[in-house]
Structure formats: structure tokens, C-alpha cells
């Protein structure tokens, strides 16, 4: 099982679009998300990054996904690329197989 975390914020190119152009773009993105969900990808949730978060990452938006395997991870990544997402949004990602807290602590202890 994998976790995938996306952090993003708008680029100037996005801000230059009209509301109508943004809506048209999101129609395609919505279809892509629906396809991922139908394929078994779980959207844990979207969020706005709280402005008072300690050690806050400099991004406005957050999405967390849960996927069964690396194939589903690649499907998400390909979907984002195919949508031209990075033309409009600056994004950072983190992904990895889910591990237990003891396994994470053991890894940190053995660095």
C-alpha cells in the first residue's frame, strides 16, 4: 500500500486564465480524478494549508492519496503529467510504501 502527498500552488500562467478557462480545464481534471478513483485509488482528502502551521511548507494546497501498488501510483503521476498540471501549478510530491511507526523509527535510528 502506498501513500502519495501532493503540495502545490498556482503559477502566474494559471492566474492569467479567465474563470471560464479555469472551469474548462478542471472539467478534464475532474474526469481524470474520477478515472483514478474507479481504478481503486483512494483520495484521502484535499486541504488548504493552514497559514499558521508550524514549519509550514510554502504551498497553498494539499492532496493525500492512498494506492494499492506502484502501478496505481504511476497512473496518478501520468494523469497529472498528461493534464499539463505543472504548466499551471508548482508542485512537490512525496510517496512511499506505508510502514508501521516502529519501522519508521527503526529506520531513523539506523541512519
Protein backbone atom coordinates (compact mmCIF):
# COMPACT_ATOMS: atom_id res chain seq x y z
CA UNK A 1 0.00 0.00 0.00
CA UNK A 2 1.34 3.47 -0.94
CA UNK A 3 0.76 6.98 0.35
CA UNK A 4 1.14 9.90 -2.04
CA UNK A 5 1.20 13.52 -0.90
CA UNK A 6 0.96 16.47 -3.28
CA UNK A 7 1.65 20.08 -2.33
CA UNK A 8 1.00 22.79 -4.92
CA UNK A 9 0.41 26.47 -5.56
CA UNK A 10 -0.68 28.48 -8.60
CA UNK A 11 1.83 29.69 -11.15
CA UNK A 12 1.36 33.07 -12.88
CA UNK A 13 0.11 31.26 -16.01
CA UNK A 14 -2.87 29.94 -14.00
CA UNK A 15 -3.66 33.35 -12.59
CA UNK A 16 -3.77 34.77 -16.12
CA UNK A 17 -6.61 32.43 -17.16
CA UNK A 18 -10.21 33.58 -17.04
CA UNK A 19 -12.70 31.86 -14.75
CA UNK A 20 -14.21 30.20 -17.83
CA UNK A 21 -10.82 28.84 -18.95
CA UNK A 22 -10.14 27.51 -15.47
CA UNK A 23 -13.53 25.79 -15.40
CA UNK A 24 -12.89 24.16 -18.77
CA UNK A 25 -9.52 22.91 -17.58
CA UNK A 26 -11.00 21.46 -14.40
CA UNK A 27 -13.64 19.55 -16.35
CA UNK A 28 -10.81 17.43 -17.78
CA UNK A 29 -9.06 17.14 -14.42
CA UNK A 30 -12.30 16.03 -12.78
CA UNK A 31 -12.68 13.25 -15.34
CA UNK A 32 -9.10 12.12 -14.72
CA UNK A 33 -9.68 12.01 -10.95
CA UNK A 34 -12.88 10.03 -11.46
CA UNK A 35 -10.98 7.51 -13.58
CA UNK A 36 -8.32 7.09 -10.88
CA UNK A 37 -10.98 6.53 -8.22
CA UNK A 38 -12.75 3.96 -10.38
CA UNK A 39 -9.39 2.19 -10.73
CA UNK A 40 -9.09 1.74 -6.97
CA UNK A 41 -7.08 4.81 -5.98
CA UNK A 42 -8.39 6.31 -2.73
CA UNK A 43 -8.45 10.07 -2.26
CA UNK A 44 -7.88 10.57 1.46
CA UNK A 45 -8.58 14.26 1.00
CA UNK A 46 -7.78 17.72 -0.28
CA UNK A 47 -6.97 20.59 2.08
CA UNK A 48 -5.88 24.21 2.18
CA UNK A 49 -2.57 24.54 4.01
CA UNK A 50 -3.26 26.47 7.23
CA UNK A 51 -1.31 29.72 7.32
CA UNK A 52 -0.33 29.17 10.97
CA UNK A 53 1.11 25.65 10.51
CA UNK A 54 4.43 25.34 12.38
CA UNK A 55 7.34 24.87 9.93
CA UNK A 56 4.81 25.42 7.15
CA UNK A 57 5.61 24.29 3.59
CA UNK A 58 5.14 27.20 1.19
CA UNK A 59 2.23 25.68 -0.71
CA UNK A 60 -1.46 26.53 -0.59
CA UNK A 61 -2.98 23.16 -1.46
CA UNK A 62 -2.56 19.59 -0.21
CA UNK A 63 -3.83 16.26 -1.52
CA UNK A 64 -3.26 12.86 0.07
CA UNK A 65 -3.88 9.68 -1.87
CA UNK A 66 -3.75 6.00 -0.91
CA UNK A 67 -2.98 3.37 -3.55
CA UNK A 68 -2.63 -0.39 -3.58
CA UNK A 69 0.57 -0.58 -5.60
CA UNK A 70 3.17 1.19 -7.69
CA UNK A 71 1.05 0.79 -10.85
CA UNK A 72 -1.66 2.96 -9.30
CA UNK A 73 0.99 5.47 -8.22
CA UNK A 74 2.29 5.67 -11.78
CA UNK A 75 -1.27 6.10 -13.08
CA UNK A 76 -1.70 9.16 -10.83
CA UNK A 77 1.65 10.61 -11.87
CA UNK A 78 0.90 10.03 -15.57
CA UNK A 79 -2.53 11.59 -15.19
CA UNK A 80 -1.04 14.74 -13.65
CA UNK A 81 1.58 15.00 -16.41
CA UNK A 82 -0.97 14.34 -19.19
CA UNK A 83 -3.19 17.10 -17.85
CA UNK A 84 -0.39 19.65 -18.19
CA UNK A 85 -0.82 20.37 -14.49
CA UNK A 86 2.73 21.62 -13.98
CA UNK A 87 2.25 24.38 -16.55
CA UNK A 88 -0.26 25.95 -14.17
CA UNK A 89 0.90 24.81 -10.73
CA UNK A 90 4.22 24.47 -8.94
CA UNK A 91 4.08 21.13 -7.18
CA UNK A 92 6.15 19.00 -4.82
CA UNK A 93 5.36 15.33 -4.15
CA UNK A 94 6.21 12.67 -1.60
CA UNK A 95 5.37 8.99 -1.96
CA UNK A 96 6.22 5.69 -0.35
CA UNK A 97 5.00 2.36 0.84
CA UNK A 98 3.12 2.53 4.11
CA UNK A 99 5.20 1.29 7.04
CA UNK A 100 4.49 0.98 10.73
CA UNK A 101 5.63 3.61 13.24
CA UNK A 102 8.17 1.18 14.77
CA UNK A 103 9.62 0.52 11.31
CA UNK A 104 9.91 4.27 10.63
CA UNK A 105 11.61 4.86 14.00
CA UNK A 106 13.99 1.98 13.41
CA UNK A 107 14.95 3.41 10.03
CA UNK A 108 15.61 6.84 11.58
CA UNK A 109 17.67 5.27 14.36
CA UNK A 110 19.89 3.44 11.90
CA UNK A 111 20.74 6.39 9.63
